[in-house]
Protein backbone atom coordinates (compact mmCIF):
# COMPACT_ATOMS: atom_id res chain seq x y z
CA MET A 1 -26.08 18.82 1.63
CA ALA A 2 -23.86 18.07 4.51
CA THR A 3 -22.24 14.72 4.75
CA THR A 4 -24.48 12.66 6.98
CA THR A 5 -23.08 12.57 10.72
CA SER A 6 -24.01 10.25 13.50
CA ILE A 7 -23.10 11.40 16.93
CA THR A 8 -23.22 8.63 19.59
CA THR A 9 -20.41 9.75 21.84
CA ASN A 10 -20.67 10.92 25.39
CA TYR A 11 -18.43 12.94 27.54
CA ALA A 12 -16.60 10.72 30.13
CA GLY A 13 -13.39 11.44 31.84
CA ALA A 14 -10.55 13.82 31.41
CA PHE A 15 -9.78 12.93 27.91
CA ALA A 16 -12.63 14.38 26.09
CA SER A 17 -10.45 16.41 23.83
CA LYS A 18 -8.83 13.21 22.50
CA TYR A 19 -10.68 11.80 19.60
CA ILE A 20 -10.35 8.12 18.95
CA SER A 21 -10.84 6.75 15.41
CA ALA A 22 -11.16 3.06 14.61
CA ALA A 23 -8.00 1.29 13.75
CA LEU A 24 -7.08 1.77 10.15
CA LEU A 25 -4.92 -0.03 7.72
CA SER A 26 -1.86 2.02 7.02
CA ALA A 27 -0.35 2.40 3.45
CA ASN A 28 2.46 0.26 4.63
CA THR A 29 3.68 -0.54 1.18
CA LEU A 30 4.64 3.10 0.81
CA ASP A 31 5.43 3.95 4.40
CA LYS A 32 7.96 1.16 4.79
CA GLY A 33 9.52 1.91 1.39
CA LEU A 34 8.74 -1.43 -0.10
CA ILE A 35 8.38 -0.06 -3.63
CA GLU A 36 9.99 2.91 -5.40
CA ILE A 37 8.07 6.30 -5.10
CA LEU A 38 8.10 8.61 -8.21
CA PRO A 39 7.05 12.12 -7.25
CA ASN A 40 6.10 14.89 -9.51
CA VAL A 41 3.98 12.85 -11.98
CA ASN A 42 1.09 14.95 -13.10
CA PHE A 43 -0.17 12.59 -15.84
CA LYS A 44 2.31 10.08 -17.24
CA THR A 45 5.97 9.08 -16.99
CA THR A 46 7.86 6.44 -18.98
CA LEU A 47 9.76 3.65 -17.35
CA GLN A 48 12.76 2.72 -19.74
CA LYS A 49 13.67 -0.90 -20.05
CA VAL A 50 17.00 -1.95 -21.55
CA ASN A 51 17.58 -5.59 -22.89
CA THR A 52 20.77 -7.08 -24.42
CA ASP A 53 21.73 -10.36 -25.78
CA ASP A 54 25.18 -11.96 -25.15
CA ILE A 55 27.70 -9.10 -24.98
CA VAL A 56 31.04 -11.17 -24.56
CA LYS A 57 32.47 -12.31 -27.92
CA ASP A 58 35.77 -13.57 -29.15
CA ALA A 59 38.41 -10.74 -29.50
CA THR A 60 39.46 -9.39 -32.82
CA CYS A 61 41.66 -6.60 -33.90
CA ASP A 62 38.70 -4.45 -35.03
CA PHE A 63 35.78 -2.90 -33.22
CA THR A 64 32.90 -5.02 -33.83
CA ALA A 65 29.47 -4.51 -32.19
CA THR A 66 29.02 -7.48 -29.83
CA SER A 67 25.43 -7.13 -28.82
CA THR A 68 21.96 -6.16 -29.83
CA LEU A 69 20.45 -3.52 -27.51
CA THR A 70 16.71 -3.16 -27.30
CA LEU A 71 14.96 -0.24 -25.66
CA THR A 72 11.46 -0.62 -24.64
CA ASP A 73 9.21 1.26 -22.22
CA ARG A 74 6.21 1.00 -19.92
CA VAL A 75 4.03 3.82 -19.06
CA LEU A 76 2.97 4.86 -15.55
CA GLU A 77 -0.12 6.95 -15.62
CA VAL A 78 -1.51 8.58 -12.52
CA GLU A 79 -5.13 9.49 -12.10
CA PRO A 80 -6.55 12.41 -10.08
CA PHE A 81 -8.62 11.74 -6.90
CA GLN A 82 -10.35 13.78 -4.36
CA VAL A 83 -12.05 13.63 -0.87
CA ASN A 84 -14.80 16.25 -0.16
CA LEU A 85 -16.62 16.15 3.18
CA GLN A 86 -19.07 18.82 4.51
CA LEU A 87 -20.16 18.88 8.19
CA CYS A 88 -22.68 21.25 9.74
CA LYS A 89 -21.38 22.68 13.11
CA LYS A 90 -25.01 22.88 14.62
CA ASP A 91 -24.83 18.92 14.46
CA TYR A 92 -22.31 19.08 17.22
CA TYR A 93 -23.96 21.66 19.47
CA ASP A 94 -25.56 19.04 21.72
CA SER A 95 -22.71 16.60 21.70
CA TRP A 96 -19.79 16.75 24.11
CA ILE A 97 -17.75 18.67 21.54
CA GLY A 98 -20.21 21.62 21.91
CA GLY A 99 -18.54 22.85 25.04
CA GLN A 100 -15.29 23.37 23.21
CA MET A 101 -17.00 25.45 20.41
CA GLY A 102 -18.14 28.18 22.76
CA PHE A 103 -21.54 29.91 23.02
CA SER A 104 -21.30 32.49 20.34
CA ALA A 105 -23.62 32.48 17.39
CA TYR A 106 -20.31 32.61 15.25
CA ASP A 107 -18.63 29.51 16.79
CA SER A 108 -15.56 28.11 15.00
CA ILE A 109 -14.41 24.63 14.80
CA PRO A 110 -12.06 23.78 17.76
CA ALA A 111 -8.52 23.19 16.72
CA SER A 112 -8.55 19.72 18.36
CA PHE A 113 -11.34 18.57 16.25
CA ALA A 114 -9.77 20.10 13.09
CA ASP A 115 -6.83 17.91 13.93
CA PHE A 116 -8.93 14.89 14.28
CA LEU A 117 -10.58 15.39 10.95
CA ILE A 118 -7.26 15.89 9.22
CA ALA A 119 -5.93 12.72 10.85
CA HIS A 120 -9.01 10.67 10.13
CA VAL A 121 -9.23 11.73 6.49
CA ALA A 122 -5.51 11.14 5.90
CA ALA A 123 -5.63 7.67 7.44
CA LYS A 124 -8.74 6.75 5.52
CA THR A 125 -7.08 7.87 2.30
CA SER A 126 -3.95 5.96 3.08
CA GLN A 127 -6.04 2.85 3.60
CA LYS A 128 -7.68 3.29 0.18
CA ILE A 129 -4.39 3.98 -1.57
CA GLU A 130 -2.79 0.81 0.06
CA GLN A 131 -5.82 -1.25 -1.30
CA ASN A 132 -5.52 0.36 -4.69
CA ILE A 133 -1.86 -0.27 -5.00
CA TRP A 134 -2.39 -3.94 -5.09
CA ASN A 135 -5.99 -4.66 -5.94
CA GLY A 136 -7.35 -1.44 -7.58
CA THR A 137 -9.44 -1.55 -10.77
CA ALA A 138 -9.42 1.58 -12.96
CA ALA A 139 -13.09 1.04 -13.92
CA SER A 140 -14.19 1.37 -10.35
CA ALA A 141 -14.78 4.80 -8.79
CA GLY A 142 -11.92 6.13 -6.56
CA GLU A 143 -9.53 3.40 -7.89
CA PHE A 144 -6.62 3.07 -10.28
CA SER A 145 -5.30 -0.11 -11.76
CA GLY A 146 -3.29 -1.97 -9.10
CA PHE A 147 -0.41 -4.29 -9.50
CA LEU A 148 -2.51 -7.50 -9.56
CA SER A 149 -4.74 -6.14 -12.32
CA LEU A 150 -1.70 -4.99 -14.42
CA MET A 151 0.21 -8.28 -13.73
CA THR A 152 -2.68 -10.53 -14.56
CA ALA A 153 -3.07 -8.99 -18.11
CA ASP A 154 0.78 -9.31 -18.75
CA ALA A 155 1.85 -12.51 -20.60
CA ASP A 156 5.54 -11.80 -19.51
CA VAL A 157 4.81 -12.06 -15.83
CA VAL A 158 5.63 -15.56 -14.41
CA ASP A 159 2.53 -17.11 -13.13
CA VAL A 160 2.19 -19.54 -10.19
CA THR A 161 -1.27 -21.11 -9.42
CA ALA A 162 -2.52 -20.28 -6.00
CA THR A 163 -4.50 -22.24 -3.39
CA THR A 164 -5.83 -21.45 0.10
CA VAL A 165 -2.69 -20.86 2.15
CA THR A 166 -2.66 -22.27 5.77
CA ALA A 167 -0.11 -22.86 8.43
CA ALA A 168 0.04 -26.51 7.18
CA ASN A 169 0.97 -25.67 3.49
CA VAL A 170 2.53 -22.17 3.68
CA ILE A 171 6.08 -23.52 3.50
CA GLU A 172 5.23 -25.44 0.29
CA GLU A 173 3.32 -22.51 -1.37
CA LEU A 174 6.13 -20.04 -0.49
CA GLY A 175 8.39 -22.63 -2.11
CA LYS A 176 6.50 -22.62 -5.27
CA VAL A 177 6.95 -18.79 -5.56
CA VAL A 178 10.75 -19.11 -4.90
CA ASP A 179 11.19 -21.94 -7.41
CA ALA A 180 9.41 -19.80 -10.10
CA ILE A 181 11.85 -16.84 -9.58
CA PRO A 182 14.07 -16.45 -12.73
CA SER A 183 17.68 -17.28 -12.09
CA ALA A 184 18.79 -13.82 -13.23
CA LEU A 185 16.59 -12.37 -10.40
CA TYR A 186 17.37 -14.82 -7.71
CA GLY A 187 19.88 -13.35 -5.21
CA LYS A 188 19.20 -9.74 -6.04
CA GLU A 189 19.55 -7.61 -2.82
CA ASP A 190 16.22 -5.90 -3.17
CA LEU A 191 14.31 -9.09 -4.02
CA GLN A 192 11.17 -9.38 -1.78
CA ILE A 193 8.06 -11.63 -1.59
CA PHE A 194 5.03 -9.47 -1.05
CA VAL A 195 2.40 -11.30 1.00
CA PRO A 196 -0.98 -10.45 2.54
CA GLN A 197 -1.83 -10.65 6.17
CA GLY A 198 -3.19 -14.19 6.07
CA VAL A 199 0.04 -15.57 4.55
CA ALA A 200 2.21 -13.65 7.03
CA LYS A 201 0.17 -15.08 9.92
CA ALA A 202 0.21 -18.53 8.50
CA TYR A 203 4.06 -18.39 8.07
CA VAL A 204 4.63 -17.08 11.55
CA ARG A 205 2.46 -19.87 13.02
CA SER A 206 4.23 -22.50 10.97
CA LEU A 207 7.65 -21.40 12.19
CA GLY A 208 6.16 -21.52 15.68
CA GLY A 209 5.97 -25.20 15.15
CA PHE A 210 2.20 -25.60 14.54
CA GLY A 211 2.38 -26.39 10.92
CA THR A 212 3.44 -29.61 9.23
CA SER A 213 6.66 -27.81 8.09
CA GLY A 214 7.36 -26.26 11.43
CA LEU A 215 10.70 -26.33 13.22
CA GLY A 216 9.59 -29.27 15.47
CA ALA A 217 6.83 -29.10 17.94
CA ASN A 218 8.13 -26.01 19.74
CA GLY A 219 9.19 -23.87 16.73
CA VAL A 220 11.93 -21.40 16.53
CA ASP A 221 14.36 -21.46 19.55
CA ASN A 222 11.74 -23.66 21.31
CA LYS A 223 9.47 -20.74 21.90
CA GLY A 224 6.45 -21.83 20.02
CA THR A 225 4.14 -18.98 19.04
CA MET A 226 5.98 -16.67 21.34
CA TRP A 227 9.04 -16.53 19.09
CA TYR A 228 7.81 -13.78 16.76
CA GLY A 229 8.25 -10.00 17.83
CA ASN A 230 7.05 -8.25 14.52
CA GLY A 231 10.49 -8.28 13.16
CA ASP A 232 11.66 -9.15 9.68
CA LEU A 233 10.70 -12.39 8.05
CA PHE A 234 12.66 -14.34 5.49
CA PHE A 235 12.03 -17.48 3.52
CA ASP A 236 15.06 -19.22 1.71
CA GLY A 237 17.08 -16.08 2.35
CA ILE A 238 14.59 -13.82 0.63
CA LYS A 239 12.72 -11.13 2.62
CA VAL A 240 9.02 -11.67 3.02
CA VAL A 241 7.08 -8.27 3.56
CA MET A 242 3.44 -7.97 4.50
CA CYS A 243 1.37 -5.59 2.48
CA ASN A 244 -2.05 -4.83 3.90
CA GLY A 245 -3.54 -4.14 0.54
CA LEU A 246 -2.86 -7.58 -0.91
CA PRO A 247 -6.08 -9.82 -0.83
CA SER A 248 -6.01 -13.26 0.68
CA ASN A 249 -3.96 -16.06 -0.99
CA LYS A 250 -2.13 -13.76 -3.36
CA MET A 251 1.69 -13.16 -3.46
CA VAL A 252 4.20 -11.33 -5.60
CA ALA A 253 7.95 -11.80 -5.85
CA ALA A 254 9.77 -8.88 -7.44
CA GLN A 255 12.66 -6.36 -6.79
CA ALA A 256 11.60 -3.24 -5.01
CA SER A 257 13.40 -1.30 -7.70
CA ASN A 258 11.09 -2.87 -10.33
CA MET A 259 7.80 -1.61 -8.62
CA PHE A 260 6.69 2.01 -8.71
CA PHE A 261 4.09 4.25 -7.18
CA GLY A 262 3.57 7.57 -8.90
CA THR A 263 2.07 10.75 -7.52
CA GLY A 264 2.28 14.47 -7.71
CA LEU A 265 3.97 16.35 -4.92
CA LEU A 266 5.68 13.86 -2.61
CA ASN A 267 3.66 14.98 0.33
CA GLU A 268 0.40 15.37 -1.49
CA ARG A 269 -1.25 12.33 -0.32
CA ASN A 270 -1.15 13.86 3.27
CA GLU A 271 -2.37 17.32 2.50
CA VAL A 272 -5.83 17.97 3.89
CA ARG A 273 -7.60 21.35 4.22
CA VAL A 274 -10.36 22.04 6.69
CA LEU A 275 -12.41 25.25 5.77
CA ASP A 276 -14.84 26.98 8.07
CA MET A 277 -17.42 28.30 5.55
CA ALA A 278 -18.91 30.94 7.89
CA ASP A 279 -16.66 33.78 6.70
CA LEU A 280 -17.17 32.72 3.12
CA ASP A 281 -20.93 32.03 2.70
CA GLY A 282 -22.43 32.67 6.19
CA SER A 283 -23.29 28.98 6.52
CA ASP A 284 -22.54 26.80 9.56
CA ASN A 285 -20.70 24.26 7.29
CA ILE A 286 -17.22 22.94 7.58
CA ARG A 287 -15.54 21.41 4.57
CA VAL A 288 -12.61 18.88 4.55
CA ILE A 289 -10.83 18.85 1.18
CA LEU A 290 -8.08 16.51 -0.12
CA ARG A 291 -6.88 16.12 -3.70
CA PHE A 292 -4.01 13.97 -5.06
CA PHE A 293 -2.74 11.93 -8.08
CA ALA A 294 -1.80 8.26 -7.75
CA GLY A 295 -0.93 5.20 -9.88
CA VAL A 296 1.34 2.21 -10.02
CA GLN A 297 3.33 0.34 -12.64
CA TYR A 298 6.22 -2.13 -12.80
CA GLY A 299 9.23 -2.09 -15.07
CA ILE A 300 10.08 -5.63 -16.46
CA GLY A 301 7.21 -8.20 -16.43
CA SER A 302 9.51 -11.24 -16.78
CA ASP A 303 11.14 -10.16 -13.46
CA VAL A 304 7.85 -10.50 -11.65
CA VAL A 305 6.39 -13.71 -10.13
CA LEU A 306 2.58 -13.61 -9.43
CA TYR A 307 0.99 -16.24 -7.14
CA SER A 308 -2.73 -16.02 -8.03
């Protein structure tokens, strides 16, 4: 059975060959390099962790071991996923795409529509991956265990009790996250506070002067809400990064080098195939196929702060 299609578009104007898809969330956690990407993981990989006690001791004439070194590990396991769509070409004969397909009984899908399908499927897949990275649940179809699921189950992670974040209290709530960051972690170059869209919006509005902790009535540089131009955000000197997959009122503070996304081939999540089945089985069907591996893990739980 072909994937159900609904054709509601009409030809209008000179841009009929340009297909417009709804705005989609991008996998910005990966695209912006906010966490480490580990390629070539086909099943599992081990993240090694090294812990030592005090290594500096009083000097002697002899060689005396000065520390206890403990090696532990955490396993990053990826899961296989797929996208399979099947469209019937005859469903498009009466639509405005029909003119591009020609009048032969053996019409082929126009390249422009194939490009649209590839871009659309890749974008939808990126959206799902972004959501899974943070809020995925392995028990749900099409999902792997995301960071929130893993961190919630880890007693080593530093927990901070969350509340509903608004422009009026966002400064206070971000302060709670920073206060909970371990002293050994504070000041690290790649330390970041990962926030959802709602927290990012509240913080920008607060800095515009419209929260109780804003910079006066007119905000940054007396520009009010006009001050922000989608640039970098910082709080107490720590970079604040917006992750579209994080759910509302959740935050994570961690080093980018302590957060990992595993996949197969590095470009695998963008590989989509469009197959015209006419030459294979004589049908009018078109198949869109995408297969990939994905999973996440962090290295040291005690170096992670979870606001939840």
